[in-house]
Amino acid sequence: MTQEHKIQNDIRVAVSQHGCTIFRANVGKVKMENGRWFDTGLPRGFPDLFGWRHSDGKMFFIEVKNETGRLREDQKRFSKAISGHNVIYGVAHSVEDALKIVEEN
């Protein structure tokens, strides 16, 4: 089974070569060496990758899952909240899935 991290990296390379700017969103909390918690500030369920197409500036959000991965409830809520707005959202299990997502209108 492919690790999600590898799929994300492969998607980032392919999508950036496909005329888009793409970023990885690190979401969550991490306990630092000094004992304090660092919170990324992004809402729970925020997708793994986001960016825009150079052709028209349209924003996209991509949730990355491995072959057997499923959306958590907070990810489903994010998907529902963003639907109906003028952005692209999709779940990718592969580079091919991600390229189809960013090619949507």
N, C-alpha and C. Protein backbone atom coordinates (compact mmCIF):
# COMPACT_ATOMS: atom_id res chain seq x y z
N MET A 1 0.85 -1.18 0.00
CA MET A 1 0.00 0.00 0.00
C MET A 1 0.89 1.25 0.00
N THR A 2 0.55 2.20 -0.83
CA THR A 2 1.33 3.43 -0.96
C THR A 2 1.05 4.35 0.21
N GLN A 3 2.11 4.96 0.76
CA GLN A 3 1.93 5.90 1.85
C GLN A 3 1.32 7.20 1.31
N GLU A 4 0.41 7.78 2.09
CA GLU A 4 -0.23 9.04 1.69
C GLU A 4 0.79 10.13 1.40
N HIS A 5 1.84 10.16 2.20
CA HIS A 5 2.87 11.19 2.03
C HIS A 5 3.50 11.10 0.63
N LYS A 6 3.77 9.90 0.15
CA LYS A 6 4.34 9.72 -1.19
C LYS A 6 3.35 10.16 -2.26
N ILE A 7 2.10 9.79 -2.10
CA ILE A 7 1.06 10.19 -3.06
C ILE A 7 0.98 11.71 -3.11
N GLN A 8 0.99 12.36 -1.93
CA GLN A 8 0.95 13.82 -1.88
C GLN A 8 2.12 14.43 -2.64
N ASN A 9 3.32 13.94 -2.39
CA ASN A 9 4.50 14.49 -3.06
C ASN A 9 4.44 14.29 -4.56
N ASP A 10 4.02 13.12 -5.01
CA ASP A 10 3.88 12.86 -6.44
C ASP A 10 2.84 13.78 -7.07
N ILE A 11 1.74 14.01 -6.36
CA ILE A 11 0.70 14.91 -6.85
C ILE A 11 1.24 16.34 -6.94
N ARG A 12 1.96 16.78 -5.92
CA ARG A 12 2.50 18.15 -5.93
C ARG A 12 3.39 18.38 -7.14
N VAL A 13 4.24 17.42 -7.47
CA VAL A 13 5.11 17.56 -8.63
C VAL A 13 4.29 17.60 -9.92
N ALA A 14 3.39 16.64 -10.09
CA ALA A 14 2.62 16.54 -11.33
C ALA A 14 1.72 17.76 -11.55
N VAL A 15 1.04 18.19 -10.50
CA VAL A 15 0.11 19.33 -10.63
C VAL A 15 0.88 20.62 -10.90
N SER A 16 2.04 20.78 -10.28
CA SER A 16 2.83 21.99 -10.54
C SER A 16 3.36 21.99 -11.97
N GLN A 17 3.62 20.83 -12.53
CA GLN A 17 4.06 20.74 -13.92
C GLN A 17 2.89 20.87 -14.89
N HIS A 18 1.69 20.89 -14.35
CA HIS A 18 0.46 20.95 -15.15
C HIS A 18 -0.12 22.37 -15.16
N GLY A 19 0.71 23.37 -14.91
CA GLY A 19 0.25 24.75 -14.98
C GLY A 19 -0.51 25.23 -13.77
N CYS A 20 -0.12 24.76 -12.59
CA CYS A 20 -0.78 25.17 -11.35
C CYS A 20 0.27 25.48 -10.28
N THR A 21 -0.13 26.28 -9.33
CA THR A 21 0.64 26.46 -8.11
C THR A 21 -0.06 25.66 -7.03
N ILE A 22 0.71 24.88 -6.28
CA ILE A 22 0.11 23.98 -5.29
C ILE A 22 0.92 24.01 -4.00
N PHE A 23 0.21 23.92 -2.88
CA PHE A 23 0.82 23.94 -1.56
C PHE A 23 0.31 22.76 -0.74
N ARG A 24 1.14 22.32 0.20
CA ARG A 24 0.71 21.31 1.17
C ARG A 24 0.26 22.03 2.43
N ALA A 25 -0.88 21.65 2.93
CA ALA A 25 -1.41 22.23 4.17
C ALA A 25 -1.15 21.26 5.31
N ASN A 26 -0.28 21.63 6.20
CA ASN A 26 -0.04 20.81 7.38
C ASN A 26 -1.08 21.20 8.43
N VAL A 27 -1.94 20.28 8.74
CA VAL A 27 -3.05 20.55 9.65
C VAL A 27 -2.87 19.73 10.92
N GLY A 28 -3.13 20.35 12.04
CA GLY A 28 -3.09 19.62 13.29
C GLY A 28 -2.28 20.31 14.36
N LYS A 29 -2.07 19.59 15.44
CA LYS A 29 -1.31 20.09 16.58
C LYS A 29 -0.10 19.20 16.80
N VAL A 30 0.99 19.84 17.20
CA VAL A 30 2.23 19.11 17.48
C VAL A 30 2.79 19.63 18.80
N LYS A 31 3.19 18.71 19.65
CA LYS A 31 3.82 19.11 20.91
C LYS A 31 5.30 19.39 20.64
N MET A 32 5.72 20.60 20.95
CA MET A 32 7.09 21.02 20.69
C MET A 32 8.00 20.56 21.83
N GLU A 33 9.30 20.66 21.61
CA GLU A 33 10.27 20.21 22.61
C GLU A 33 10.12 20.93 23.95
N ASN A 34 9.65 22.20 23.92
CA ASN A 34 9.49 22.96 25.16
C ASN A 34 8.18 22.63 25.88
N GLY A 35 7.43 21.66 25.34
CA GLY A 35 6.19 21.23 25.98
C GLY A 35 4.95 21.98 25.53
N ARG A 36 5.13 23.07 24.79
CA ARG A 36 3.99 23.84 24.28
C ARG A 36 3.42 23.17 23.04
N TRP A 37 2.14 23.42 22.79
CA TRP A 37 1.48 22.89 21.61
C TRP A 37 1.51 23.91 20.49
N PHE A 38 1.81 23.47 19.29
CA PHE A 38 1.75 24.31 18.09
C PHE A 38 0.55 23.87 17.29
N ASP A 39 -0.35 24.81 16.99
CA ASP A 39 -1.55 24.55 16.21
C ASP A 39 -1.41 25.30 14.89
N THR A 40 -1.62 24.62 13.77
CA THR A 40 -1.42 25.24 12.46
C THR A 40 -2.40 26.38 12.20
N GLY A 41 -3.51 26.39 12.89
CA GLY A 41 -4.48 27.46 12.69
C GLY A 41 -5.49 27.18 11.60
N LEU A 42 -5.26 26.16 10.80
CA LEU A 42 -6.23 25.80 9.77
C LEU A 42 -7.37 25.01 10.42
N PRO A 43 -8.57 25.12 9.85
CA PRO A 43 -9.69 24.38 10.45
C PRO A 43 -9.54 22.88 10.28
N ARG A 44 -10.12 22.15 11.23
CA ARG A 44 -10.12 20.69 11.12
C ARG A 44 -10.80 20.30 9.82
N GLY A 45 -10.23 19.32 9.14
CA GLY A 45 -10.80 18.85 7.89
C GLY A 45 -10.28 19.56 6.66
N PHE A 46 -9.42 20.59 6.85
CA PHE A 46 -8.86 21.31 5.70
C PHE A 46 -8.08 20.32 4.84
N PRO A 47 -8.26 20.36 3.52
CA PRO A 47 -7.60 19.38 2.64
C PRO A 47 -6.07 19.45 2.69
N ASP A 48 -5.46 18.35 2.27
CA ASP A 48 -4.01 18.21 2.30
C ASP A 48 -3.31 19.19 1.35
N LEU A 49 -3.89 19.41 0.19
CA LEU A 49 -3.27 20.23 -0.84
C LEU A 49 -4.25 21.29 -1.33
N PHE A 50 -3.71 22.45 -1.71
CA PHE A 50 -4.55 23.51 -2.27
C PHE A 50 -3.69 24.38 -3.16
N GLY A 51 -4.36 25.10 -4.04
CA GLY A 51 -3.62 25.97 -4.94
C GLY A 51 -4.54 26.60 -5.96
N TRP A 52 -3.96 27.03 -7.10
CA TRP A 52 -4.76 27.63 -8.16
C TRP A 52 -4.17 27.29 -9.52
N ARG A 53 -5.07 27.34 -10.52
CA ARG A 53 -4.67 27.12 -11.90
C ARG A 53 -4.14 28.42 -12.47
N HIS A 54 -3.05 28.37 -13.20
CA HIS A 54 -2.50 29.57 -13.81
C HIS A 54 -3.39 30.07 -14.94
N SER A 55 -4.10 29.16 -15.61
CA SER A 55 -4.91 29.54 -16.78
C SER A 55 -6.03 30.51 -16.44
N ASP A 56 -6.64 30.35 -15.27
CA ASP A 56 -7.78 31.20 -14.93
C ASP A 56 -7.81 31.63 -13.45
N GLY A 57 -6.82 31.22 -12.68
CA GLY A 57 -6.75 31.61 -11.28
C GLY A 57 -7.72 30.89 -10.36
N LYS A 58 -8.42 29.89 -10.88
CA LYS A 58 -9.41 29.18 -10.06
C LYS A 58 -8.72 28.35 -8.99
N MET A 59 -9.22 28.49 -7.76
CA MET A 59 -8.67 27.76 -6.60
C MET A 59 -9.15 26.31 -6.60
N PHE A 60 -8.28 25.44 -6.11
CA PHE A 60 -8.67 24.04 -5.94
C PHE A 60 -8.19 23.54 -4.58
N PHE A 61 -8.87 22.54 -4.08
CA PHE A 61 -8.54 21.87 -2.82
C PHE A 61 -8.57 20.37 -3.09
N ILE A 62 -7.52 19.67 -2.67
CA ILE A 62 -7.43 18.23 -2.91
C ILE A 62 -7.16 17.51 -1.59
N GLU A 63 -8.05 16.61 -1.23
CA GLU A 63 -7.83 15.73 -0.09
C GLU A 63 -7.18 14.47 -0.63
N VAL A 64 -6.03 14.08 -0.08
CA VAL A 64 -5.29 12.92 -0.57
C VAL A 64 -5.52 11.73 0.36
N LYS A 65 -5.83 10.61 -0.25
CA LYS A 65 -6.01 9.35 0.48
C LYS A 65 -5.25 8.25 -0.22
N ASN A 66 -4.80 7.26 0.54
CA ASN A 66 -4.19 6.10 -0.12
C ASN A 66 -5.30 5.23 -0.69
N GLU A 67 -4.94 4.06 -1.18
CA GLU A 67 -5.91 3.21 -1.87
C GLU A 67 -7.13 2.85 -1.03
N THR A 68 -6.96 2.74 0.27
CA THR A 68 -8.07 2.32 1.13
C THR A 68 -8.59 3.45 2.02
N GLY A 69 -8.00 4.64 1.90
CA GLY A 69 -8.37 5.76 2.78
C GLY A 69 -9.78 6.28 2.54
N ARG A 70 -10.40 6.72 3.62
CA ARG A 70 -11.75 7.31 3.56
C ARG A 70 -11.74 8.65 4.27
N LEU A 71 -12.70 9.49 3.89
CA LEU A 71 -12.82 10.81 4.52
C LEU A 71 -13.29 10.67 5.96
N ARG A 72 -12.68 11.46 6.86
CA ARG A 72 -13.16 11.56 8.23
C ARG A 72 -14.37 12.50 8.24
N GLU A 73 -15.09 12.52 9.35
CA GLU A 73 -16.28 13.37 9.45
C GLU A 73 -15.94 14.85 9.26
N ASP A 74 -14.81 15.32 9.84
CA ASP A 74 -14.45 16.73 9.68
C ASP A 74 -14.10 17.05 8.23
N GLN A 75 -13.54 16.09 7.51
CA GLN A 75 -13.24 16.30 6.09
C GLN A 75 -14.52 16.33 5.27
N LYS A 76 -15.48 15.51 5.63
CA LYS A 76 -16.79 15.54 4.95
C LYS A 76 -17.48 16.88 5.18
N ARG A 77 -17.38 17.41 6.41
CA ARG A 77 -17.98 18.71 6.70
C ARG A 77 -17.33 19.82 5.88
N PHE A 78 -15.99 19.77 5.75
CA PHE A 78 -15.30 20.77 4.94
C PHE A 78 -15.77 20.69 3.50
N SER A 79 -15.85 19.49 2.97
CA SER A 79 -16.30 19.29 1.59
C SER A 79 -17.70 19.87 1.38
N LYS A 80 -18.58 19.60 2.33
CA LYS A 80 -19.95 20.12 2.24
C LYS A 80 -19.97 21.65 2.34
N ALA A 81 -19.17 22.21 3.23
CA ALA A 81 -19.14 23.66 3.42
C ALA A 81 -18.63 24.39 2.19
N ILE A 82 -17.71 23.78 1.48
CA ILE A 82 -17.10 24.45 0.33
C ILE A 82 -17.89 24.23 -0.96
N SER A 83 -18.74 23.20 -1.00
CA SER A 83 -19.50 22.93 -2.22
C SER A 83 -20.46 24.08 -2.49
N GLY A 84 -20.63 24.36 -3.76
CA GLY A 84 -21.51 25.45 -4.16
C GLY A 84 -20.79 26.78 -4.29
N HIS A 85 -19.54 26.83 -3.87
CA HIS A 85 -18.73 28.03 -4.03
C HIS A 85 -17.91 27.88 -5.30
N ASN A 86 -17.34 28.94 -5.75
CA ASN A 86 -16.63 28.93 -7.04
C ASN A 86 -15.20 28.41 -6.89
N VAL A 87 -15.06 27.22 -6.34
CA VAL A 87 -13.76 26.56 -6.19
C VAL A 87 -13.91 25.09 -6.58
N ILE A 88 -12.79 24.45 -6.77
CA ILE A 88 -12.76 23.03 -7.13
C ILE A 88 -12.34 22.25 -5.90
N TYR A 89 -13.02 21.13 -5.64
CA TYR A 89 -12.68 20.26 -4.52
C TYR A 89 -12.76 18.82 -5.00
N GLY A 90 -11.83 18.00 -4.54
CA GLY A 90 -11.91 16.59 -4.86
C GLY A 90 -11.01 15.76 -3.97
N VAL A 91 -11.26 14.45 -4.01
CA VAL A 91 -10.45 13.49 -3.26
C VAL A 91 -9.63 12.71 -4.28
N ALA A 92 -8.32 12.66 -4.06
CA ALA A 92 -7.42 11.98 -4.98
C ALA A 92 -6.74 10.80 -4.30
N HIS A 93 -6.76 9.68 -4.98
CA HIS A 93 -6.05 8.48 -4.52
C HIS A 93 -4.79 8.26 -5.36
N SER A 94 -4.59 9.15 -6.37
CA SER A 94 -3.46 8.99 -7.28
C SER A 94 -3.18 10.31 -7.98
N VAL A 95 -2.06 10.37 -8.68
CA VAL A 95 -1.73 11.54 -9.50
C VAL A 95 -2.81 11.75 -10.56
N GLU A 96 -3.25 10.66 -11.17
CA GLU A 96 -4.27 10.76 -12.22
C GLU A 96 -5.56 11.38 -11.68
N ASP A 97 -5.97 10.97 -10.48
CA ASP A 97 -7.16 11.57 -9.86
C ASP A 97 -6.97 13.06 -9.66
N ALA A 98 -5.79 13.45 -9.17
CA ALA A 98 -5.53 14.87 -8.90
C ALA A 98 -5.55 15.70 -10.18
N LEU A 99 -4.97 15.17 -11.25
CA LEU A 99 -4.98 15.92 -12.51
C LEU A 99 -6.40 16.08 -13.04
N LYS A 100 -7.23 15.07 -12.88
CA LYS A 100 -8.64 15.20 -13.27
C LYS A 100 -9.34 16.28 -12.45
N ILE A 101 -9.03 16.35 -11.16
CA ILE A 101 -9.64 17.35 -10.29
C ILE A 101 -9.28 18.76 -10.75
N VAL A 102 -8.00 19.02 -11.00
CA VAL A 102 -7.60 20.39 -11.37
C VAL A 102 -8.02 20.76 -12.78
N GLU A 103 -8.38 19.77 -13.60
CA GLU A 103 -8.87 20.06 -14.95
C GLU A 103 -10.35 20.38 -14.98
N GLU A 104 -11.07 20.15 -13.87
CA GLU A 104 -12.50 20.46 -13.82
C GLU A 104 -12.73 21.94 -14.02
N ASN A 105 -13.94 22.28 -14.48
CA ASN A 105 -14.29 23.71 -14.63
C ASN A 105 -14.82 24.30 -13.38
